[in-house]
Amino acid sequence: MTDYVICYDICHPKRLLRIHRALRRQAVALQYSVFLFSGTPLQLQRCLDELESLMDKHRDDIRAYPLPQRGLRLRLGKSLLPSGIQWSGLPEPWQDIST
């Protein structure tokens, strides 16, 4: 399994909501328009095919970037969760450096 960052820029509010919902079913939301997808290349292609069917190819932009298997993975900035609560949605190698 490989991790991918999927992000999007969608122009129309209805399409934006549909794409956001479709991604929430298949990936972990890191930010509103940035998701972490873990899967095989075939699973990624199926996900992207579904997103492509929901988007306007002339106005919208959806991108997927593979993450390296090794290396530092961390999140910087203010945590969305209260102190003492840990989010288990991220894979194990991620580090949380909250301010």
PDB file of N, CA and C in Angstrom:
ATOM      1  N   MET A   1       0.853  -1.175   0.000  1.00  0.00           N
ATOM      2  CA  MET A   1       0.000   0.000   0.000  1.00  0.00           C
ATOM      3  C   MET A   1       0.898   1.237   0.000  1.00  0.00           C
ATOM      4  N   THR A   2       0.464   2.231  -0.742  1.00  0.00           N
ATOM      5  CA  THR A   2       1.179   3.489  -0.850  1.00  0.00           C
ATOM      6  C   THR A   2       0.272   4.604  -0.359  1.00  0.00           C
ATOM      7  N   ASP A   3       0.880   5.619   0.241  1.00  0.00           N
ATOM      8  CA  ASP A   3       0.123   6.802   0.661  1.00  0.00           C
ATOM      9  C   ASP A   3       0.212   7.866  -0.417  1.00  0.00           C
ATOM     10  N   TYR A   4      -0.909   8.533  -0.658  1.00  0.00           N
ATOM     11  CA  TYR A   4      -0.989   9.620  -1.630  1.00  0.00           C
ATOM     12  C   TYR A   4      -1.672  10.809  -0.977  1.00  0.00           C
ATOM     13  N   VAL A   5      -1.236  11.993  -1.342  1.00  0.00           N
ATOM     14  CA  VAL A   5      -1.946  13.202  -0.963  1.00  0.00           C
ATOM     15  C   VAL A   5      -2.811  13.570  -2.161  1.00  0.00           C
ATOM     16  N   ILE A   6      -4.116  13.704  -1.930  1.00  0.00           N
ATOM     17  CA  ILE A   6      -5.046  14.130  -2.974  1.00  0.00           C
ATOM     18  C   ILE A   6      -5.580  15.498  -2.572  1.00  0.00           C
ATOM     19  N   CYS A   7      -5.494  16.437  -3.481  1.00  0.00           N
ATOM     20  CA  CYS A   7      -6.001  17.783  -3.206  1.00  0.00           C
ATOM     21  C   CYS A   7      -6.804  18.263  -4.412  1.00  0.00           C
ATOM     22  N   TYR A   8      -7.652  19.235  -4.159  1.00  0.00           N
ATOM     23  CA  TYR A   8      -8.508  19.697  -5.235  1.00  0.00           C
ATOM     24  C   TYR A   8      -8.793  21.184  -5.139  1.00  0.00           C
ATOM     25  N   ASP A   9      -9.175  21.743  -6.293  1.00  0.00           N
ATOM     26  CA  ASP A   9      -9.660  23.120  -6.395  1.00  0.00           C
ATOM     27  C   ASP A   9     -10.890  23.039  -7.302  1.00  0.00           C
ATOM     28  N   ILE A  10     -12.060  23.159  -6.713  1.00  0.00           N
ATOM     29  CA  ILE A  10     -13.326  22.971  -7.431  1.00  0.00           C
ATOM     30  C   ILE A  10     -14.071  24.299  -7.457  1.00  0.00           C
ATOM     31  N   CYS A  11     -14.538  24.697  -8.637  1.00  0.00           N
ATOM     32  CA  CYS A  11     -15.143  26.017  -8.823  1.00  0.00           C
ATOM     33  C   CYS A  11     -16.596  26.129  -8.358  1.00  0.00           C
ATOM     34  N   HIS A  12     -17.381  25.106  -8.530  1.00  0.00           N
ATOM     35  CA  HIS A  12     -18.818  25.178  -8.260  1.00  0.00           C
ATOM     36  C   HIS A  12     -19.148  24.532  -6.913  1.00  0.00           C
ATOM     37  N   PRO A  13     -19.926  25.197  -6.062  1.00  0.00           N
ATOM     38  CA  PRO A  13     -20.225  24.659  -4.718  1.00  0.00           C
ATOM     39  C   PRO A  13     -20.853  23.269  -4.706  1.00  0.00           C
ATOM     40  N   LYS A  14     -21.746  22.970  -5.666  1.00  0.00           N
ATOM     41  CA  LYS A  14     -22.378  21.641  -5.690  1.00  0.00           C
ATOM     42  C   LYS A  14     -21.358  20.554  -6.005  1.00  0.00           C
ATOM     43  N   ARG A  15     -20.503  20.803  -7.002  1.00  0.00           N
ATOM     44  CA  ARG A  15     -19.462  19.825  -7.341  1.00  0.00           C
ATOM     45  C   ARG A  15     -18.471  19.692  -6.191  1.00  0.00           C
ATOM     46  N   LEU A  16     -18.155  20.804  -5.561  1.00  0.00           N
ATOM     47  CA  LEU A  16     -17.243  20.795  -4.431  1.00  0.00           C
ATOM     48  C   LEU A  16     -17.755  19.862  -3.336  1.00  0.00           C
ATOM     49  N   LEU A  17     -19.018  19.966  -3.003  1.00  0.00           N
ATOM     50  CA  LEU A  17     -19.608  19.122  -1.964  1.00  0.00           C
ATOM     51  C   LEU A  17     -19.608  17.654  -2.376  1.00  0.00           C
ATOM     52  N   ARG A  18     -19.942  17.374  -3.623  1.00  0.00           N
ATOM     53  CA  ARG A  18     -19.953  15.976  -4.098  1.00  0.00           C
ATOM     54  C   ARG A  18     -18.561  15.357  -4.046  1.00  0.00           C
ATOM     55  N   ILE A  19     -17.564  16.113  -4.496  1.00  0.00           N
ATOM     56  CA  ILE A  19     -16.196  15.597  -4.509  1.00  0.00           C
ATOM     57  C   ILE A  19     -15.680  15.432  -3.091  1.00  0.00           C
ATOM     58  N   HIS A  20     -15.974  16.384  -2.238  1.00  0.00           N
ATOM     59  CA  HIS A  20     -15.549  16.285  -0.836  1.00  0.00           C
ATOM     60  C   HIS A  20     -16.154  15.041  -0.176  1.00  0.00           C
ATOM     61  N   ARG A  21     -17.431  14.812  -0.391  1.00  0.00           N
ATOM     62  CA  ARG A  21     -18.096  13.624   0.186  1.00  0.00           C
ATOM     63  C   ARG A  21     -17.512  12.333  -0.372  1.00  0.00           C
ATOM     64  N   ALA A  22     -17.244  12.300  -1.676  1.00  0.00           N
ATOM     65  CA  ALA A  22     -16.675  11.097  -2.289  1.00  0.00           C
ATOM     66  C   ALA A  22     -15.299  10.790  -1.700  1.00  0.00           C
ATOM     67  N   LEU A  23     -14.498  11.818  -1.499  1.00  0.00           N
ATOM     68  CA  LEU A  23     -13.171  11.600  -0.928  1.00  0.00           C
ATOM     69  C   LEU A  23     -13.241  11.194   0.539  1.00  0.00           C
ATOM     70  N   ARG A  24     -14.168  11.737   1.289  1.00  0.00           N
ATOM     71  CA  ARG A  24     -14.302  11.373   2.714  1.00  0.00           C
ATOM     72  C   ARG A  24     -14.625   9.894   2.881  1.00  0.00           C
ATOM     73  N   ARG A  25     -15.266   9.287   1.881  1.00  0.00           N
ATOM     74  CA  ARG A  25     -15.574   7.856   1.951  1.00  0.00           C
ATOM     75  C   ARG A  25     -14.335   6.995   1.717  1.00  0.00           C
ATOM     76  N   GLN A  26     -13.316   7.559   1.053  1.00  0.00           N
ATOM     77  CA  GLN A  26     -12.180   6.746   0.642  1.00  0.00           C
ATOM     78  C   GLN A  26     -10.845   7.164   1.241  1.00  0.00           C
ATOM     79  N   ALA A  27     -10.795   8.348   1.850  1.00  0.00           N
ATOM     80  CA  ALA A  27      -9.521   8.880   2.327  1.00  0.00           C
ATOM     81  C   ALA A  27      -9.735   9.636   3.636  1.00  0.00           C
ATOM     82  N   VAL A  28      -8.637  10.018   4.267  1.00  0.00           N
ATOM     83  CA  VAL A  28      -8.670  10.755   5.533  1.00  0.00           C
ATOM     84  C   VAL A  28      -8.458  12.231   5.226  1.00  0.00           C
ATOM     85  N   ALA A  29      -9.361  13.067   5.710  1.00  0.00           N
ATOM     86  CA  ALA A  29      -9.236  14.505   5.485  1.00  0.00           C
ATOM     87  C   ALA A  29      -8.119  15.056   6.373  1.00  0.00           C
ATOM     88  N   LEU A  30      -7.144  15.709   5.737  1.00  0.00           N
ATOM     89  CA  LEU A  30      -6.084  16.386   6.480  1.00  0.00           C
ATOM     90  C   LEU A  30      -6.427  17.861   6.657  1.00  0.00           C
ATOM     91  N   GLN A  31      -7.021  18.441   5.627  1.00  0.00           N
ATOM     92  CA  GLN A  31      -7.565  19.790   5.631  1.00  0.00           C
ATOM     93  C   GLN A  31      -8.816  19.712   4.763  1.00  0.00           C
ATOM     94  N   TYR A  32      -9.511  20.834   4.593  1.00  0.00           N
ATOM     95  CA  TYR A  32     -10.772  20.759   3.852  1.00  0.00           C
ATOM     96  C   TYR A  32     -10.583  20.217   2.431  1.00  0.00           C
ATOM     97  N   SER A  33      -9.562  20.644   1.731  1.00  0.00           N
ATOM     98  CA  SER A  33      -9.387  20.190   0.349  1.00  0.00           C
ATOM     99  C   SER A  33      -8.132  19.343   0.164  1.00  0.00           C
ATOM    100  N   VAL A  34      -7.624  18.768   1.242  1.00  0.00           N
ATOM    101  CA  VAL A  34      -6.422  17.923   1.186  1.00  0.00           C
ATOM    102  C   VAL A  34      -6.713  16.623   1.937  1.00  0.00           C
ATOM    103  N   PHE A  35      -6.467  15.503   1.264  1.00  0.00           N
ATOM    104  CA  PHE A  35      -6.784  14.189   1.819  1.00  0.00           C
ATOM    105  C   PHE A  35      -5.581  13.261   1.738  1.00  0.00           C
ATOM    106  N   LEU A  36      -5.526  12.310   2.663  1.00  0.00           N
ATOM    107  CA  LEU A  36      -4.532  11.247   2.645  1.00  0.00           C
ATOM    108  C   LEU A  36      -5.234   9.969   2.201  1.00  0.00           C
ATOM    109  N   PHE A  37      -4.777   9.423   1.086  1.00  0.00           N
ATOM    110  CA  PHE A  37      -5.330   8.187   0.540  1.00  0.00           C
ATOM    111  C   PHE A  37      -4.271   7.105   0.675  1.00  0.00           C
ATOM    112  N   SER A  38      -4.635   5.959   1.235  1.00  0.00           N
ATOM    113  CA  SER A  38      -3.726   4.808   1.330  1.00  0.00           C
ATOM    114  C   SER A  38      -4.320   3.673   0.534  1.00  0.00           C
ATOM    115  N   GLY A  39      -3.536   3.147  -0.395  1.00  0.00           N
ATOM    116  CA  GLY A  39      -4.047   2.048  -1.203  1.00  0.00           C
ATOM    117  C   GLY A  39      -3.076   1.657  -2.294  1.00  0.00           C
ATOM    118  N   THR A  40      -3.526   0.730  -3.101  1.00  0.00           N
ATOM    119  CA  THR A  40      -2.733   0.271  -4.238  1.00  0.00           C
ATOM    120  C   THR A  40      -2.937   1.238  -5.409  1.00  0.00           C
ATOM    121  N   PRO A  41      -2.071   1.157  -6.419  1.00  0.00           N
ATOM    122  CA  PRO A  41      -2.281   2.004  -7.594  1.00  0.00           C
ATOM    123  C   PRO A  41      -3.657   1.783  -8.246  1.00  0.00           C
ATOM    124  N   LEU A  42      -4.144   0.550  -8.232  1.00  0.00           N
ATOM    125  CA  LEU A  42      -5.464   0.266  -8.798  1.00  0.00           C
ATOM    126  C   LEU A  42      -6.567   0.936  -7.984  1.00  0.00           C
ATOM    127  N   GLN A  43      -6.467   0.887  -6.655  1.00  0.00           N
ATOM    128  CA  GLN A  43      -7.453   1.548  -5.798  1.00  0.00           C
ATOM    129  C   GLN A  43      -7.420   3.064  -5.999  1.00  0.00           C
ATOM    130  N   LEU A  44      -6.221   3.619  -6.149  1.00  0.00           N
ATOM    131  CA  LEU A  44      -6.097   5.050  -6.420  1.00  0.00           C
ATOM    132  C   LEU A  44      -6.767   5.398  -7.749  1.00  0.00           C
ATOM    133  N   GLN A  45      -6.537   4.580  -8.766  1.00  0.00           N
ATOM    134  CA  GLN A  45      -7.130   4.857 -10.077  1.00  0.00           C
ATOM    135  C   GLN A  45      -8.653   4.813 -10.015  1.00  0.00           C
ATOM    136  N   ARG A  46      -9.199   3.871  -9.265  1.00  0.00           N
ATOM    137  CA  ARG A  46     -10.658   3.803  -9.103  1.00  0.00           C
ATOM    138  C   ARG A  46     -11.190   5.057  -8.414  1.00  0.00           C
ATOM    139  N   CYS A  47     -10.482   5.513  -7.388  1.00  0.00           N
ATOM    140  CA  CYS A  47     -10.864   6.730  -6.677  1.00  0.00           C
ATOM    141  C   CYS A  47     -10.828   7.928  -7.624  1.00  0.00           C
ATOM    142  N   LEU A  48      -9.742   8.052  -8.389  1.00  0.00           N
ATOM    143  CA  LEU A  48      -9.608   9.180  -9.313  1.00  0.00           C
ATOM    144  C   LEU A  48     -10.644   9.106 -10.436  1.00  0.00           C
ATOM    145  N   ASP A  49     -10.981   7.903 -10.880  1.00  0.00           N
ATOM    146  CA  ASP A  49     -12.021   7.749 -11.905  1.00  0.00           C
ATOM    147  C   ASP A  49     -13.362   8.265 -11.385  1.00  0.00           C
ATOM    148  N   GLU A  50     -13.677   7.929 -10.129  1.00  0.00           N
ATOM    149  CA  GLU A  50     -14.923   8.423  -9.543  1.00  0.00           C
ATOM    150  C   GLU A  50     -14.906   9.951  -9.446  1.00  0.00           C
ATOM    151  N   LEU A  51     -13.794  10.511  -8.994  1.00  0.00           N
ATOM    152  CA  LEU A  51     -13.688  11.969  -8.885  1.00  0.00           C
ATOM    153  C   LEU A  51     -13.788  12.638 -10.252  1.00  0.00           C
ATOM    154  N   GLU A  52     -13.171  12.025 -11.243  1.00  0.00           N
ATOM    155  CA  GLU A  52     -13.221  12.580 -12.602  1.00  0.00           C
ATOM    156  C   GLU A  52     -14.656  12.632 -13.122  1.00  0.00           C
ATOM    157  N   SER A  53     -15.461  11.645 -12.758  1.00  0.00           N
ATOM    158  CA  SER A  53     -16.854  11.632 -13.210  1.00  0.00           C
ATOM    159  C   SER A  53     -17.680  12.741 -12.544  1.00  0.00           C
ATOM    160  N   LEU A  54     -17.200  13.257 -11.404  1.00  0.00           N
ATOM    161  CA  LEU A  54     -17.923  14.289 -10.671  1.00  0.00           C
ATOM    162  C   LEU A  54     -17.452  15.708 -10.992  1.00  0.00           C
ATOM    163  N   MET A  55     -16.285  15.828 -11.597  1.00  0.00           N
ATOM    164  CA  MET A  55     -15.683  17.148 -11.805  1.00  0.00           C
ATOM    165  C   MET A  55     -15.975  17.705 -13.198  1.00  0.00           C
ATOM    166  N   ASP A  56     -15.760  18.999 -13.353  1.00  0.00           N
ATOM    167  CA  ASP A  56     -15.784  19.656 -14.659  1.00  0.00           C
ATOM    168  C   ASP A  56     -14.325  19.747 -15.105  1.00  0.00           C
ATOM    169  N   LYS A  57     -13.949  18.983 -16.116  1.00  0.00           N
ATOM    170  CA  LYS A  57     -12.553  18.878 -16.530  1.00  0.00           C
ATOM    171  C   LYS A  57     -11.968  20.192 -17.042  1.00  0.00           C
ATOM    172  N   HIS A  58     -12.813  21.135 -17.406  1.00  0.00           N
ATOM    173  CA  HIS A  58     -12.330  22.414 -17.931  1.00  0.00           C
ATOM    174  C   HIS A  58     -12.167  23.468 -16.844  1.00  0.00           C
ATOM    175  N   ARG A  59     -12.797  23.278 -15.698  1.00  0.00           N
ATOM    176  CA  ARG A  59     -12.768  24.297 -14.647  1.00  0.00           C
ATOM    177  C   ARG A  59     -12.149  23.826 -13.334  1.00  0.00           C
ATOM    178  N   ASP A  60     -12.225  22.539 -13.053  1.00  0.00           N
ATOM    179  CA  ASP A  60     -11.777  22.017 -11.769  1.00  0.00           C
ATOM    180  C   ASP A  60     -10.390  21.389 -11.887  1.00  0.00           C
ATOM    181  N   ASP A  61      -9.743  21.229 -10.740  1.00  0.00           N
ATOM    182  CA  ASP A  61      -8.402  20.655 -10.697  1.00  0.00           C
ATOM    183  C   ASP A  61      -8.321  19.691  -9.517  1.00  0.00           C
ATOM    184  N   ILE A  62      -7.953  18.440  -9.801  1.00  0.00           N
ATOM    185  CA  ILE A  62      -7.746  17.427  -8.766  1.00  0.00           C
ATOM    186  C   ILE A  62      -6.370  16.824  -9.015  1.00  0.00           C
ATOM    187  N   ARG A  63      -5.576  16.719  -7.952  1.00  0.00           N
ATOM    188  CA  ARG A  63      -4.212  16.200  -8.083  1.00  0.00           C
ATOM    189  C   ARG A  63      -3.945  15.150  -7.014  1.00  0.00           C
ATOM    190  N   ALA A  64      -3.126  14.167  -7.364  1.00  0.00           N
ATOM    191  CA  ALA A  64      -2.698  13.128  -6.422  1.00  0.00           C
ATOM    192  C   ALA A  64      -1.179  13.032  -6.472  1.00  0.00           C
ATOM    193  N   TYR A  65      -0.559  13.079  -5.305  1.00  0.00           N
ATOM    194  CA  TYR A  65       0.892  13.017  -5.191  1.00  0.00           C
ATOM    195  C   TYR A  65       1.278  11.835  -4.318  1.00  0.00           C
ATOM    196  N   PRO A  66       2.147  10.936  -4.808  1.00  0.00           N
ATOM    197  CA  PRO A  66       2.583   9.824  -3.962  1.00  0.00           C
ATOM    198  C   PRO A  66       3.546  10.324  -2.894  1.00  0.00           C
ATOM    199  N   LEU A  67       3.437   9.754  -1.695  1.00  0.00           N
ATOM    200  CA  LEU A  67       4.376  10.053  -0.618  1.00  0.00           C
ATOM    201  C   LEU A  67       5.441   8.961  -0.591  1.00  0.00           C
ATOM    202  N   PRO A  68       6.673   9.323  -0.258  1.00  0.00           N
ATOM    203  CA  PRO A  68       7.714   8.289  -0.190  1.00  0.00           C
ATOM    204  C   PRO A  68       7.418   7.296   0.925  1.00  0.00           C
ATOM    205  N   GLN A  69       7.866   6.069   0.725  1.00  0.00           N
ATOM    206  CA  GLN A  69       7.645   5.027   1.735  1.00  0.00           C
ATOM    207  C   GLN A  69       8.384   5.328   3.025  1.00  0.00           C
ATOM    208  N   ARG A  70       9.548   5.963   2.907  1.00  0.00           N
ATOM    209  CA  ARG A  70      10.350   6.300   4.083  1.00  0.00           C
ATOM    210  C   ARG A  70      10.468   7.814   4.161  1.00  0.00           C
ATOM    211  N   GLY A  71      10.755   8.284   5.320  1.00  0.00           N
ATOM    212  CA  GLY A  71      10.955   9.711   5.470  1.00  0.00           C
ATOM    213  C   GLY A  71      10.077  10.280   6.567  1.00  0.00           C
ATOM    214  N   LEU A  72      10.365  11.494   6.936  1.00  0.00           N
ATOM    215  CA  LEU A  72       9.640  12.177   7.998  1.00  0.00           C
ATOM    216  C   LEU A  72       8.272  12.633   7.509  1.00  0.00           C
ATOM    217  N   ARG A  73       7.258  12.357   8.292  1.00  0.00           N
ATOM    218  CA  ARG A  73       5.899  12.815   8.015  1.00  0.00           C
ATOM    219  C   ARG A  73       5.378  13.460   9.287  1.00  0.00           C
ATOM    220  N   LEU A  74       5.043  14.736   9.194  1.00  0.00           N
ATOM    221  CA  LEU A  74       4.557  15.411  10.384  1.00  0.00           C
ATOM    222  C   LEU A  74       3.536  16.466  10.035  1.00  0.00           C
ATOM    223  N   ARG A  75       2.818  16.871  11.061  1.00  0.00           N
ATOM    224  CA  ARG A  75       1.825  17.927  10.928  1.00  0.00           C
ATOM    225  C   ARG A  75       2.234  19.039  11.867  1.00  0.00           C
ATOM    226  N   LEU A  76       2.324  20.250  11.348  1.00  0.00           N
ATOM    227  CA  LEU A  76       2.683  21.407  12.147  1.00  0.00           C
ATOM    228  C   LEU A  76       1.453  22.271  12.367  1.00  0.00           C
ATOM    229  N   GLY A  77       1.448  23.012  13.462  1.00  0.00           N
ATOM    230  CA  GLY A  77       0.372  23.966  13.679  1.00  0.00           C
ATOM    231  C   GLY A  77      -0.581  23.549  14.766  1.00  0.00           C
ATOM    232  N   LYS A  78      -1.566  24.371  14.939  1.00  0.00           N
ATOM    233  CA  LYS A  78      -2.559  24.166  15.986  1.00  0.00           C
ATOM    234  C   LYS A  78      -3.383  22.909  15.724  1.00  0.00           C
ATOM    235  N   SER A  79      -3.523  22.119  16.753  1.00  0.00           N
ATOM    236  CA  SER A  79      -4.311  20.901  16.648  1.00  0.00           C
ATOM    237  C   SER A  79      -5.799  21.249  16.631  1.00  0.00           C
ATOM    238  N   LEU A  80      -6.553  20.501  15.867  1.00  0.00           N
ATOM    239  CA  LEU A  80      -7.997  20.697  15.830  1.00  0.00           C
ATOM    240  C   LEU A  80      -8.686  20.053  17.026  1.00  0.00           C
ATOM    241  N   LEU A  81      -7.977  19.133  17.678  1.00  0.00           N
ATOM    242  CA  LEU A  81      -8.558  18.405  18.808  1.00  0.00           C
ATOM    243  C   LEU A  81      -8.074  18.996  20.124  1.00  0.00           C
ATOM    244  N   PRO A  82      -8.861  18.865  21.185  1.00  0.00           N
ATOM    245  CA  PRO A  82      -8.432  19.346  22.502  1.00  0.00           C
ATOM    246  C   PRO A  82      -7.186  18.613  22.994  1.00  0.00           C
ATOM    247  N   SER A  83      -6.465  19.233  23.904  1.00  0.00           N
ATOM    248  CA  SER A  83      -5.265  18.640  24.474  1.00  0.00           C
ATOM    249  C   SER A  83      -5.587  17.284  25.098  1.00  0.00           C
ATOM    250  N   GLY A  84      -4.730  16.293  24.849  1.00  0.00           N
ATOM    251  CA  GLY A  84      -4.919  14.966  25.420  1.00  0.00           C
ATOM    252  C   GLY A  84      -5.694  14.013  24.528  1.00  0.00           C
ATOM    253  N   ILE A  85      -6.322  14.519  23.484  1.00  0.00           N
ATOM    254  CA  ILE A  85      -7.078  13.672  22.547  1.00  0.00           C
ATOM    255  C   ILE A  85      -6.200  13.444  21.326  1.00  0.00           C
ATOM    256  N   GLN A  86      -6.022  12.180  20.942  1.00  0.00           N
ATOM    257  CA  GLN A  86      -5.217  11.862  19.775  1.00  0.00           C
ATOM    258  C   GLN A  86      -6.102  11.299  18.683  1.00  0.00           C
ATOM    259  N   TRP A  87      -5.820  11.712  17.467  1.00  0.00           N
ATOM    260  CA  TRP A  87      -6.588  11.258  16.318  1.00  0.00           C
ATOM    261  C   TRP A  87      -5.913  10.029  15.740  1.00  0.00           C
ATOM    262  N   SER A  88      -6.630   8.924  15.686  1.00  0.00           N
ATOM    263  CA  SER A  88      -6.041   7.676  15.207  1.00  0.00           C
ATOM    264  C   SER A  88      -6.266   7.467  13.719  1.00  0.00           C
ATOM    265  N   GLY A  89      -6.785   8.466  13.014  1.00  0.00           N
ATOM    266  CA  GLY A  89      -7.042   8.325  11.576  1.00  0.00           C
ATOM    267  C   GLY A  89      -5.789   8.367  10.729  1.00  0.00           C
ATOM    268  N   LEU A  90      -4.701   8.964  11.242  1.00  0.00           N
ATOM    269  CA  LEU A  90      -3.459   9.021  10.484  1.00  0.00           C
ATOM    270  C   LEU A  90      -2.679   7.735  10.680  1.00  0.00           C
ATOM    271  N   PRO A  91      -1.973   7.292   9.632  1.00  0.00           N
ATOM    272  CA  PRO A  91      -1.131   6.114   9.787  1.00  0.00           C
ATOM    273  C   PRO A  91      -0.068   6.319  10.860  1.00  0.00           C
ATOM    274  N   GLU A  92       0.444   5.245  11.402  1.00  0.00           N
ATOM    275  CA  GLU A  92       1.386   5.255  12.531  1.00  0.00           C
ATOM    276  C   GLU A  92       2.624   6.136  12.338  1.00  0.00           C
ATOM    277  N   PRO A  93       3.279   6.175  11.164  1.00  0.00           N
ATOM    278  CA  PRO A  93       4.526   6.935  11.077  1.00  0.00           C
ATOM    279  C   PRO A  93       4.377   8.452  11.153  1.00  0.00           C
ATOM    280  N   TRP A  94       3.177   9.000  11.228  1.00  0.00           N
ATOM    281  CA  TRP A  94       2.993  10.449  11.277  1.00  0.00           C
ATOM    282  C   TRP A  94       3.295  10.960  12.672  1.00  0.00           C
ATOM    283  N   GLN A  95       3.953  12.110  12.734  1.00  0.00           N
ATOM    284  CA  GLN A  95       4.211  12.790  14.002  1.00  0.00           C
ATOM    285  C   GLN A  95       3.370  14.043  14.051  1.00  0.00           C
ATOM    286  N   ASP A  96       2.890  14.378  15.244  1.00  0.00           N
ATOM    287  CA  ASP A  96       2.074  15.571  15.436  1.00  0.00           C
ATOM    288  C   ASP A  96       2.854  16.564  16.271  1.00  0.00           C
ATOM    289  N   ILE A  97       3.222  17.690  15.651  1.00  0.00           N
ATOM    290  CA  ILE A  97       3.936  18.748  16.364  1.00  0.00           C
ATOM    291  C   ILE A  97       2.976  19.917  16.451  1.00  0.00           C
ATOM    292  N   SER A  98       2.219  19.982  17.543  1.00  0.00           N
ATOM    293  CA  SER A  98       1.196  21.015  17.720  1.00  0.00           C
ATOM    294  C   SER A  98       1.787  22.218  18.439  1.00  0.00           C
ATOM    295  N   THR A  99       1.192  23.386  18.148  1.00  0.00           N
ATOM    296  CA  THR A  99       1.601  24.600  18.848  1.00  0.00           C
ATOM    297  C   THR A  99       0.457  25.110  19.677  1.00  0.00           C
TER     298      THR A  99
END
